[in-house]
Amino acid sequence: MNTISIPITLEQLIAAVQQLQPEERAKVAQALIQVDLCSDLTALIQELYAEPPVEDITDDEIMAEVKAVRQTSHQI
């Protein structure tokens, strides 16, 4: 697949997106969200790998942490 590069300003891009049909605008929005999610996930993975491994954690501690996160997410 060949790629063509065309210089475009942010304002021109927004104007072009606004001219799209609702379904096409939704695809653009979904693509932008995916880029952000991939970027956030990559940063999280890099942060986790930078931490030293924890070897002395118990199953009970893991379950307590899972329950705490679930409870926090239900409160939001």
N, C-alpha and C. Protein backbone atom coordinates (compact mmCIF):
# COMPACT_ATOMS: atom_id res chain seq x y z
N MET A 1 0.85 -1.18 0.00
CA MET A 1 0.00 0.00 0.00
C MET A 1 0.89 1.23 0.00
N ASN A 2 0.64 2.14 -0.92
CA ASN A 2 1.39 3.38 -1.01
C ASN A 2 0.72 4.45 -0.16
N THR A 3 1.53 5.31 0.42
CA THR A 3 1.01 6.37 1.26
C THR A 3 1.33 7.71 0.63
N ILE A 4 0.37 8.61 0.68
CA ILE A 4 0.55 9.97 0.17
C ILE A 4 0.47 10.91 1.36
N SER A 5 1.42 11.82 1.46
CA SER A 5 1.41 12.81 2.53
C SER A 5 0.97 14.16 1.97
N ILE A 6 -0.03 14.75 2.61
CA ILE A 6 -0.52 16.07 2.22
C ILE A 6 -0.52 16.94 3.47
N PRO A 7 0.19 18.06 3.45
CA PRO A 7 0.17 18.93 4.62
C PRO A 7 -1.24 19.50 4.83
N ILE A 8 -1.68 19.46 6.08
CA ILE A 8 -3.03 19.93 6.41
C ILE A 8 -2.99 20.51 7.81
N THR A 9 -3.72 21.59 8.01
CA THR A 9 -3.77 22.19 9.33
C THR A 9 -4.83 21.47 10.17
N LEU A 10 -4.76 21.68 11.46
CA LEU A 10 -5.76 21.09 12.34
C LEU A 10 -7.15 21.60 11.99
N GLU A 11 -7.25 22.88 11.71
CA GLU A 11 -8.55 23.45 11.35
C GLU A 11 -9.12 22.81 10.08
N GLN A 12 -8.25 22.56 9.09
CA GLN A 12 -8.68 21.91 7.86
C GLN A 12 -9.14 20.48 8.13
N LEU A 13 -8.40 19.79 8.99
CA LEU A 13 -8.78 18.42 9.34
C LEU A 13 -10.13 18.39 10.03
N ILE A 14 -10.34 19.29 10.98
CA ILE A 14 -11.63 19.36 11.68
C ILE A 14 -12.75 19.66 10.71
N ALA A 15 -12.53 20.59 9.80
CA ALA A 15 -13.55 20.94 8.82
C ALA A 15 -13.87 19.74 7.93
N ALA A 16 -12.86 18.98 7.55
CA ALA A 16 -13.09 17.80 6.71
C ALA A 16 -13.88 16.75 7.47
N VAL A 17 -13.53 16.52 8.73
CA VAL A 17 -14.24 15.52 9.54
C VAL A 17 -15.69 15.93 9.73
N GLN A 18 -15.94 17.22 9.91
CA GLN A 18 -17.31 17.69 10.11
C GLN A 18 -18.17 17.48 8.87
N GLN A 19 -17.56 17.33 7.72
CA GLN A 19 -18.31 17.10 6.49
C GLN A 19 -18.67 15.63 6.28
N LEU A 20 -18.11 14.76 7.07
CA LEU A 20 -18.39 13.33 6.94
C LEU A 20 -19.78 12.98 7.45
N GLN A 21 -20.26 11.84 7.00
CA GLN A 21 -21.52 11.31 7.50
C GLN A 21 -21.32 10.85 8.95
N PRO A 22 -22.39 10.79 9.76
CA PRO A 22 -22.25 10.40 11.16
C PRO A 22 -21.50 9.08 11.37
N GLU A 23 -21.76 8.09 10.52
CA GLU A 23 -21.08 6.80 10.66
C GLU A 23 -19.57 6.95 10.43
N GLU A 24 -19.22 7.78 9.45
CA GLU A 24 -17.80 7.99 9.14
C GLU A 24 -17.12 8.78 10.26
N ARG A 25 -17.82 9.76 10.83
CA ARG A 25 -17.27 10.53 11.96
C ARG A 25 -17.05 9.60 13.15
N ALA A 26 -17.96 8.66 13.35
CA ALA A 26 -17.82 7.71 14.45
C ALA A 26 -16.57 6.85 14.24
N LYS A 27 -16.28 6.46 13.01
CA LYS A 27 -15.07 5.67 12.73
C LYS A 27 -13.81 6.49 13.02
N VAL A 28 -13.83 7.77 12.67
CA VAL A 28 -12.69 8.65 12.96
C VAL A 28 -12.50 8.76 14.47
N ALA A 29 -13.59 8.97 15.19
CA ALA A 29 -13.51 9.08 16.66
C ALA A 29 -12.98 7.79 17.26
N GLN A 30 -13.45 6.66 16.76
CA GLN A 30 -13.01 5.37 17.28
C GLN A 30 -11.51 5.17 17.02
N ALA A 31 -11.04 5.58 15.86
CA ALA A 31 -9.61 5.45 15.54
C ALA A 31 -8.78 6.32 16.47
N LEU A 32 -9.25 7.52 16.78
CA LEU A 32 -8.52 8.41 17.69
C LEU A 32 -8.48 7.83 19.10
N ILE A 33 -9.57 7.25 19.53
CA ILE A 33 -9.62 6.63 20.86
C ILE A 33 -8.64 5.46 20.92
N GLN A 34 -8.59 4.67 19.86
CA GLN A 34 -7.68 3.52 19.83
C GLN A 34 -6.23 3.96 19.94
N VAL A 35 -5.88 5.06 19.28
CA VAL A 35 -4.51 5.58 19.35
C VAL A 35 -4.19 5.94 20.79
N ASP A 36 -5.10 6.65 21.47
CA ASP A 36 -4.87 7.04 22.85
C ASP A 36 -4.78 5.82 23.76
N LEU A 37 -5.67 4.84 23.55
CA LEU A 37 -5.65 3.64 24.38
C LEU A 37 -4.34 2.87 24.21
N CYS A 38 -3.91 2.73 22.97
CA CYS A 38 -2.66 2.01 22.70
C CYS A 38 -1.49 2.74 23.36
N SER A 39 -1.48 4.05 23.27
CA SER A 39 -0.42 4.85 23.87
C SER A 39 -0.43 4.69 25.38
N ASP A 40 -1.61 4.77 26.00
CA ASP A 40 -1.72 4.62 27.44
C ASP A 40 -1.31 3.22 27.88
N LEU A 41 -1.73 2.22 27.13
CA LEU A 41 -1.41 0.83 27.47
C LEU A 41 0.10 0.59 27.37
N THR A 42 0.70 1.12 26.33
CA THR A 42 2.15 0.97 26.17
C THR A 42 2.89 1.61 27.34
N ALA A 43 2.47 2.81 27.73
CA ALA A 43 3.11 3.49 28.87
C ALA A 43 2.94 2.68 30.15
N LEU A 44 1.76 2.11 30.35
CA LEU A 44 1.51 1.30 31.55
C LEU A 44 2.39 0.05 31.56
N ILE A 45 2.48 -0.61 30.44
CA ILE A 45 3.30 -1.82 30.35
C ILE A 45 4.77 -1.48 30.62
N GLN A 46 5.25 -0.39 30.05
CA GLN A 46 6.63 0.01 30.28
C GLN A 46 6.87 0.33 31.75
N GLU A 47 5.91 0.98 32.39
CA GLU A 47 6.02 1.30 33.81
C GLU A 47 6.06 0.02 34.65
N LEU A 48 5.21 -0.93 34.30
CA LEU A 48 5.17 -2.19 35.05
C LEU A 48 6.47 -2.97 34.89
N TYR A 49 7.02 -3.02 33.70
CA TYR A 49 8.26 -3.75 33.49
C TYR A 49 9.45 -3.06 34.15
N ALA A 50 9.34 -1.76 34.40
CA ALA A 50 10.43 -1.03 35.05
C ALA A 50 10.50 -1.34 36.55
N GLU A 51 9.40 -1.82 37.11
CA GLU A 51 9.34 -2.15 38.53
C GLU A 51 10.04 -3.48 38.80
N PRO A 52 10.71 -3.59 39.93
CA PRO A 52 11.31 -4.89 40.27
C PRO A 52 10.21 -5.91 40.54
N PRO A 53 10.45 -7.16 40.22
CA PRO A 53 9.41 -8.18 40.44
C PRO A 53 9.12 -8.37 41.93
N VAL A 54 7.85 -8.60 42.21
CA VAL A 54 7.41 -8.86 43.58
C VAL A 54 7.19 -10.36 43.69
N GLU A 55 7.92 -10.98 44.57
CA GLU A 55 7.83 -12.43 44.68
C GLU A 55 7.15 -12.90 45.96
N ASP A 56 6.95 -11.99 46.90
CA ASP A 56 6.41 -12.42 48.19
C ASP A 56 4.97 -11.96 48.41
N ILE A 57 4.18 -11.97 47.36
CA ILE A 57 2.78 -11.57 47.47
C ILE A 57 1.91 -12.84 47.54
N THR A 58 0.93 -12.79 48.41
CA THR A 58 0.07 -13.97 48.59
C THR A 58 -1.19 -13.86 47.75
N ASP A 59 -1.87 -14.96 47.57
CA ASP A 59 -3.15 -14.96 46.86
C ASP A 59 -4.16 -14.08 47.59
N ASP A 60 -4.15 -14.10 48.92
CA ASP A 60 -5.07 -13.27 49.70
C ASP A 60 -4.82 -11.78 49.45
N GLU A 61 -3.57 -11.40 49.34
CA GLU A 61 -3.25 -9.99 49.05
C GLU A 61 -3.72 -9.60 47.65
N ILE A 62 -3.57 -10.50 46.71
CA ILE A 62 -4.03 -10.23 45.35
C ILE A 62 -5.55 -10.06 45.34
N MET A 63 -6.27 -10.96 46.01
CA MET A 63 -7.72 -10.88 46.05
C MET A 63 -8.19 -9.60 46.76
N ALA A 64 -7.51 -9.20 47.81
CA ALA A 64 -7.86 -7.98 48.53
C ALA A 64 -7.70 -6.77 47.61
N GLU A 65 -6.64 -6.75 46.83
CA GLU A 65 -6.40 -5.65 45.89
C GLU A 65 -7.47 -5.63 44.79
N VAL A 66 -7.81 -6.80 44.27
CA VAL A 66 -8.85 -6.90 43.23
C VAL A 66 -10.17 -6.37 43.78
N LYS A 67 -10.53 -6.76 44.98
CA LYS A 67 -11.78 -6.30 45.60
C LYS A 67 -11.77 -4.80 45.80
N ALA A 68 -10.64 -4.25 46.22
CA ALA A 68 -10.53 -2.81 46.45
C ALA A 68 -10.70 -2.04 45.14
N VAL A 69 -10.09 -2.53 44.07
CA VAL A 69 -10.21 -1.87 42.76
C VAL A 69 -11.65 -1.96 42.26
N ARG A 70 -12.25 -3.11 42.41
CA ARG A 70 -13.65 -3.26 41.98
C ARG A 70 -14.57 -2.33 42.74
N GLN A 71 -14.36 -2.22 44.04
CA GLN A 71 -15.20 -1.35 44.85
C GLN A 71 -15.01 0.11 44.44
N THR A 72 -13.79 0.51 44.15
CA THR A 72 -13.50 1.87 43.72
C THR A 72 -14.18 2.15 42.38
N SER A 73 -14.13 1.19 41.46
CA SER A 73 -14.74 1.41 40.15
C SER A 73 -16.25 1.49 40.23
N HIS A 74 -16.86 0.83 41.20
CA HIS A 74 -18.32 0.88 41.36
C HIS A 74 -18.75 2.21 41.98
N GLN A 75 -17.86 2.87 42.72
CA GLN A 75 -18.18 4.13 43.36
C GLN A 75 -18.09 5.30 42.38
N ILE A 76 -17.39 5.12 41.29
CA ILE A 76 -17.18 6.21 40.32
C ILE A 76 -18.39 6.44 39.48
